[in-house]
Amino acid sequence: MRIDGIGASTHSISFPEEAASKSSGSFAKSIEKAIAKVNELQSEADEIANRLAAGDAVEIHQAMIAMQKASMALQFTIQVRNKIIEAYQEIMRMQV
């Protein structure tokens, strides 16, 4: 049985410097994009609901799907916000 050194297995480990250089933007930009997408879905759902209420030719299932997408996106965003706040509070409780 042959046992290889530990050096061969460390090639798959991603180092923080490499991970930082591979990221395409900051965390704030990612959050900003996500909020913009949620806003877009909310606006789309509102527009379809208004068209449906006005009596335009809109399928009811399209309106329901748009509203559900907007609702789920908002719920997901709220949960992400809650996790971020929870992580921040945990960091603030750490003693240095």
C-alpha atoms as a PDB file:
ATOM      1  CA  MET A   1       0.000   0.000   0.000  1.00  0.00           C
ATOM      2  CA  ARG A   2       1.407   3.356  -1.055  1.00  0.00           C
ATOM      3  CA  ILE A   3       0.778   6.481   1.026  1.00  0.00           C
ATOM      4  CA  ASP A   4       1.275   9.782  -0.755  1.00  0.00           C
ATOM      5  CA  GLY A   5       2.339  12.955   0.986  1.00  0.00           C
ATOM      6  CA  ILE A   6      -0.158  15.558   2.083  1.00  0.00           C
ATOM      7  CA  GLY A   7       1.149  18.072  -0.465  1.00  0.00           C
ATOM      8  CA  ALA A   8      -0.576  16.322  -3.352  1.00  0.00           C
ATOM      9  CA  SER A   9      -4.006  16.668  -1.801  1.00  0.00           C
ATOM     10  CA  THR A  10      -3.783  20.404  -1.060  1.00  0.00           C
ATOM     11  CA  HIS A  11      -4.046  21.447  -4.712  1.00  0.00           C
ATOM     12  CA  SER A  12      -7.842  21.366  -4.521  1.00  0.00           C
ATOM     13  CA  ILE A  13      -7.985  23.739  -1.554  1.00  0.00           C
ATOM     14  CA  SER A  14      -9.018  27.246  -2.539  1.00  0.00           C
ATOM     15  CA  PHE A  15      -7.016  29.895  -0.748  1.00  0.00           C
ATOM     16  CA  PRO A  16      -8.721  33.141   0.358  1.00  0.00           C
ATOM     17  CA  GLU A  17      -6.587  35.319  -1.929  1.00  0.00           C
ATOM     18  CA  GLU A  18      -7.578  33.244  -4.940  1.00  0.00           C
ATOM     19  CA  ALA A  19     -11.217  33.220  -3.900  1.00  0.00           C
ATOM     20  CA  ALA A  20     -11.233  36.998  -3.520  1.00  0.00           C
ATOM     21  CA  SER A  21      -9.669  37.511  -6.931  1.00  0.00           C
ATOM     22  CA  LYS A  22     -12.154  35.133  -8.565  1.00  0.00           C
ATOM     23  CA  SER A  23     -15.214  36.921  -7.201  1.00  0.00           C
ATOM     24  CA  SER A  24     -16.966  39.133  -9.709  1.00  0.00           C
ATOM     25  CA  GLY A  25     -17.889  42.123  -7.584  1.00  0.00           C
ATOM     26  CA  SER A  26     -18.505  42.974  -4.015  1.00  0.00           C
ATOM     27  CA  PHE A  27     -21.080  41.635  -1.601  1.00  0.00           C
ATOM     28  CA  ALA A  28     -22.886  44.981  -1.691  1.00  0.00           C
ATOM     29  CA  LYS A  29     -23.212  44.770  -5.484  1.00  0.00           C
ATOM     30  CA  SER A  30     -24.659  41.263  -5.199  1.00  0.00           C
ATOM     31  CA  ILE A  31     -27.222  42.426  -2.655  1.00  0.00           C
ATOM     32  CA  GLU A  32     -28.039  45.445  -4.801  1.00  0.00           C
ATOM     33  CA  LYS A  33     -28.671  43.218  -7.838  1.00  0.00           C
ATOM     34  CA  ALA A  34     -30.863  40.858  -5.809  1.00  0.00           C
ATOM     35  CA  ILE A  35     -32.969  43.728  -4.453  1.00  0.00           C
ATOM     36  CA  ALA A  36     -33.330  45.172  -7.952  1.00  0.00           C
ATOM     37  CA  LYS A  37     -34.556  41.787  -9.210  1.00  0.00           C
ATOM     38  CA  VAL A  38     -37.092  41.523  -6.364  1.00  0.00           C
ATOM     39  CA  ASN A  39     -38.293  45.042  -7.153  1.00  0.00           C
ATOM     40  CA  GLU A  40     -38.625  44.111 -10.827  1.00  0.00           C
ATOM     41  CA  LEU A  41     -40.706  41.034  -9.960  1.00  0.00           C
ATOM     42  CA  GLN A  42     -42.922  43.091  -7.632  1.00  0.00           C
ATOM     43  CA  SER A  43     -43.481  45.737 -10.317  1.00  0.00           C
ATOM     44  CA  GLU A  44     -44.258  43.071 -12.902  1.00  0.00           C
ATOM     45  CA  ALA A  45     -46.810  41.433 -10.585  1.00  0.00           C
ATOM     46  CA  ASP A  46     -48.430  44.807  -9.822  1.00  0.00           C
ATOM     47  CA  GLU A  47     -48.667  45.647 -13.512  1.00  0.00           C
ATOM     48  CA  ILE A  48     -50.265  42.292 -14.379  1.00  0.00           C
ATOM     49  CA  ALA A  49     -52.693  42.589 -11.444  1.00  0.00           C
ATOM     50  CA  ASN A  50     -53.697  46.097 -12.555  1.00  0.00           C
ATOM     51  CA  ARG A  51     -54.236  44.888 -16.117  1.00  0.00           C
ATOM     52  CA  LEU A  52     -56.335  41.993 -14.815  1.00  0.00           C
ATOM     53  CA  ALA A  53     -58.423  44.337 -12.639  1.00  0.00           C
ATOM     54  CA  ALA A  54     -58.943  46.706 -15.578  1.00  0.00           C
ATOM     55  CA  GLY A  55     -60.386  43.857 -17.633  1.00  0.00           C
ATOM     56  CA  ASP A  56     -57.534  43.528 -20.119  1.00  0.00           C
ATOM     57  CA  ALA A  57     -56.862  40.196 -21.788  1.00  0.00           C
ATOM     58  CA  VAL A  58     -54.667  38.657 -19.095  1.00  0.00           C
ATOM     59  CA  GLU A  59     -54.814  35.008 -18.164  1.00  0.00           C
ATOM     60  CA  ILE A  60     -55.563  34.458 -14.478  1.00  0.00           C
ATOM     61  CA  HIS A  61     -52.810  31.866 -14.204  1.00  0.00           C
ATOM     62  CA  GLN A  62     -50.241  34.368 -15.506  1.00  0.00           C
ATOM     63  CA  ALA A  63     -51.286  36.829 -12.820  1.00  0.00           C
ATOM     64  CA  MET A  64     -51.137  34.183 -10.098  1.00  0.00           C
ATOM     65  CA  ILE A  65     -47.704  32.961 -11.222  1.00  0.00           C
ATOM     66  CA  ALA A  66     -46.321  36.515 -11.336  1.00  0.00           C
ATOM     67  CA  MET A  67     -47.678  37.278  -7.865  1.00  0.00           C
ATOM     68  CA  GLN A  68     -46.306  34.029  -6.443  1.00  0.00           C
ATOM     69  CA  LYS A  69     -42.861  34.676  -7.965  1.00  0.00           C
ATOM     70  CA  ALA A  70     -42.825  38.150  -6.422  1.00  0.00           C
ATOM     71  CA  SER A  71     -43.973  36.807  -3.067  1.00  0.00           C
ATOM     72  CA  MET A  72     -41.366  34.039  -2.977  1.00  0.00           C
ATOM     73  CA  ALA A  73     -38.584  36.415  -4.035  1.00  0.00           C
ATOM     74  CA  LEU A  74     -39.545  38.826  -1.260  1.00  0.00           C
ATOM     75  CA  GLN A  75     -39.712  36.033   1.334  1.00  0.00           C
ATOM     76  CA  PHE A  76     -36.291  34.769   0.236  1.00  0.00           C
ATOM     77  CA  THR A  77     -34.831  38.277   0.454  1.00  0.00           C
ATOM     78  CA  ILE A  78     -36.243  38.718   3.953  1.00  0.00           C
ATOM     79  CA  GLN A  79     -34.723  35.406   5.056  1.00  0.00           C
ATOM     80  CA  VAL A  80     -31.328  36.384   3.626  1.00  0.00           C
ATOM     81  CA  ARG A  81     -31.563  39.708   5.464  1.00  0.00           C
ATOM     82  CA  ASN A  82     -32.412  37.897   8.692  1.00  0.00           C
ATOM     83  CA  LYS A  83     -29.400  35.582   8.297  1.00  0.00           C
ATOM     84  CA  ILE A  84     -27.100  38.532   7.600  1.00  0.00           C
ATOM     85  CA  ILE A  85     -28.347  40.340  10.709  1.00  0.00           C
ATOM     86  CA  GLU A  86     -27.990  37.163  12.759  1.00  0.00           C
ATOM     87  CA  ALA A  87     -24.401  36.694  11.547  1.00  0.00           C
ATOM     88  CA  TYR A  88     -23.580  40.341  12.305  1.00  0.00           C
ATOM     89  CA  GLN A  89     -25.001  40.036  15.811  1.00  0.00           C
ATOM     90  CA  GLU A  90     -23.009  36.851  16.387  1.00  0.00           C
ATOM     91  CA  ILE A  91     -19.813  38.604  15.294  1.00  0.00           C
ATOM     92  CA  MET A  92     -20.568  41.547  17.580  1.00  0.00           C
ATOM     93  CA  ARG A  93     -21.011  39.163  20.538  1.00  0.00           C
ATOM     94  CA  MET A  94     -17.531  37.697  20.021  1.00  0.00           C
ATOM     95  CA  GLN A  95     -14.969  38.800  22.526  1.00  0.00           C
ATOM     96  CA  VAL A  96     -11.631  39.850  21.149  1.00  0.00           C
END
